[in-house]
Amino acid sequence: MKYTVTEKNVLTALKSLGGVATPAAISRATGMPYSTVHLALKKLVGRGVVIRLYRGVYALRQQSTTVERP
């Protein structure tokens, strides 16, 4: 699967943040605008690479089975 540079950066940041993060945390980690991160996450969710655990929290697909909502 091919990813844009933005998507790669978001995925790398998400992985470095433990596989679960908010768009704001990813934005801080990458230095990208929040809106850019949010759009990339939306696209990655649509492709099945990332899942939305609950409002404002995203996870890498393989991490989803071990993460529960607090």
C-alpha atoms as a PDB file:
ATOM      1  CA  MET A   1       0.000   0.000   0.000  1.00  0.00           C
ATOM      2  CA  LYS A   2       1.374   3.407  -0.951  1.00  0.00           C
ATOM      3  CA  TYR A   3       1.218   6.306   1.474  1.00  0.00           C
ATOM      4  CA  THR A   4       1.726  10.018   1.015  1.00  0.00           C
ATOM      5  CA  VAL A   5       4.561  11.701   2.887  1.00  0.00           C
ATOM      6  CA  THR A   6       1.994  13.167   5.279  1.00  0.00           C
ATOM      7  CA  GLU A   7       0.415   9.763   5.921  1.00  0.00           C
ATOM      8  CA  LYS A   8       3.859   8.230   6.531  1.00  0.00           C
ATOM      9  CA  ASN A   9       4.683  10.977   9.027  1.00  0.00           C
ATOM     10  CA  VAL A  10       1.369  10.492  10.826  1.00  0.00           C
ATOM     11  CA  LEU A  11       1.859   6.709  10.975  1.00  0.00           C
ATOM     12  CA  THR A  12       5.432   7.105  12.235  1.00  0.00           C
ATOM     13  CA  ALA A  13       4.318   9.531  14.946  1.00  0.00           C
ATOM     14  CA  LEU A  14       1.389   7.320  15.923  1.00  0.00           C
ATOM     15  CA  LYS A  15       3.747   4.362  16.283  1.00  0.00           C
ATOM     16  CA  SER A  16       6.266   6.397  18.318  1.00  0.00           C
ATOM     17  CA  LEU A  17       3.441   7.513  20.623  1.00  0.00           C
ATOM     18  CA  GLY A  18       2.670   3.904  21.505  1.00  0.00           C
ATOM     19  CA  GLY A  19       0.196   3.184  18.731  1.00  0.00           C
ATOM     20  CA  VAL A  20      -2.624   5.229  20.278  1.00  0.00           C
ATOM     21  CA  ALA A  21      -2.886   9.027  20.163  1.00  0.00           C
ATOM     22  CA  THR A  22      -5.025  12.072  19.574  1.00  0.00           C
ATOM     23  CA  PRO A  23      -4.640  14.251  16.488  1.00  0.00           C
ATOM     24  CA  ALA A  24      -3.313  17.012  18.760  1.00  0.00           C
ATOM     25  CA  ALA A  25      -0.539  14.755  20.092  1.00  0.00           C
ATOM     26  CA  ILE A  26       0.375  13.677  16.566  1.00  0.00           C
ATOM     27  CA  SER A  27       0.359  17.314  15.467  1.00  0.00           C
ATOM     28  CA  ARG A  28       2.784  18.230  18.261  1.00  0.00           C
ATOM     29  CA  ALA A  29       5.021  15.234  17.482  1.00  0.00           C
ATOM     30  CA  THR A  30       5.208  15.979  13.759  1.00  0.00           C
ATOM     31  CA  GLY A  31       4.984  19.759  13.722  1.00  0.00           C
ATOM     32  CA  MET A  32       2.171  19.483  11.158  1.00  0.00           C
ATOM     33  CA  PRO A  33      -1.017  21.535  11.474  1.00  0.00           C
ATOM     34  CA  TYR A  34      -3.853  19.837  13.345  1.00  0.00           C
ATOM     35  CA  SER A  35      -6.116  20.009  10.278  1.00  0.00           C
ATOM     36  CA  THR A  36      -3.525  18.207   8.138  1.00  0.00           C
ATOM     37  CA  VAL A  37      -3.148  15.450  10.728  1.00  0.00           C
ATOM     38  CA  HIS A  38      -6.911  15.107  11.102  1.00  0.00           C
ATOM     39  CA  LEU A  39      -7.398  14.764   7.337  1.00  0.00           C
ATOM     40  CA  ALA A  40      -4.596  12.188   7.076  1.00  0.00           C
ATOM     41  CA  LEU A  41      -6.107  10.179   9.936  1.00  0.00           C
ATOM     42  CA  LYS A  42      -9.504  10.271   8.245  1.00  0.00           C
ATOM     43  CA  LYS A  43      -7.954   8.880   5.048  1.00  0.00           C
ATOM     44  CA  LEU A  44      -6.020   6.213   6.966  1.00  0.00           C
ATOM     45  CA  VAL A  45      -9.198   5.137   8.764  1.00  0.00           C
ATOM     46  CA  GLY A  46     -10.910   4.821   5.393  1.00  0.00           C
ATOM     47  CA  ARG A  47      -8.078   2.607   4.175  1.00  0.00           C
ATOM     48  CA  GLY A  48      -8.284   0.402   7.267  1.00  0.00           C
ATOM     49  CA  VAL A  49      -4.781   1.180   8.520  1.00  0.00           C
ATOM     50  CA  VAL A  50      -5.893   3.200  11.538  1.00  0.00           C
ATOM     51  CA  ILE A  51      -9.043   2.864  13.613  1.00  0.00           C
ATOM     52  CA  ARG A  52     -10.928   5.460  15.606  1.00  0.00           C
ATOM     53  CA  LEU A  53     -11.246   4.031  19.106  1.00  0.00           C
ATOM     54  CA  TYR A  54     -13.580   6.756  20.285  1.00  0.00           C
ATOM     55  CA  ARG A  55     -13.956  10.478  19.814  1.00  0.00           C
ATOM     56  CA  GLY A  56     -10.550  12.026  19.285  1.00  0.00           C
ATOM     57  CA  VAL A  57      -8.475   8.887  19.847  1.00  0.00           C
ATOM     58  CA  TYR A  58      -6.940   6.876  17.040  1.00  0.00           C
ATOM     59  CA  ALA A  59      -4.931   3.660  17.019  1.00  0.00           C
ATOM     60  CA  LEU A  60      -2.899   1.617  14.616  1.00  0.00           C
ATOM     61  CA  ARG A  61      -5.016  -1.291  13.410  1.00  0.00           C
ATOM     62  CA  GLN A  62      -2.833  -3.998  15.013  1.00  0.00           C
ATOM     63  CA  GLN A  63      -2.944  -2.171  18.365  1.00  0.00           C
ATOM     64  CA  SER A  64      -6.732  -2.015  18.516  1.00  0.00           C
ATOM     65  CA  THR A  65      -7.322  -5.360  20.218  1.00  0.00           C
ATOM     66  CA  THR A  66      -5.217  -4.480  23.256  1.00  0.00           C
ATOM     67  CA  VAL A  67      -6.461  -0.957  23.890  1.00  0.00           C
ATOM     68  CA  GLU A  68      -9.569  -0.243  25.910  1.00  0.00           C
ATOM     69  CA  ARG A  69     -11.335   2.996  26.583  1.00  0.00           C
ATOM     70  CA  PRO A  70     -10.548   4.339  30.067  1.00  0.00           C
END
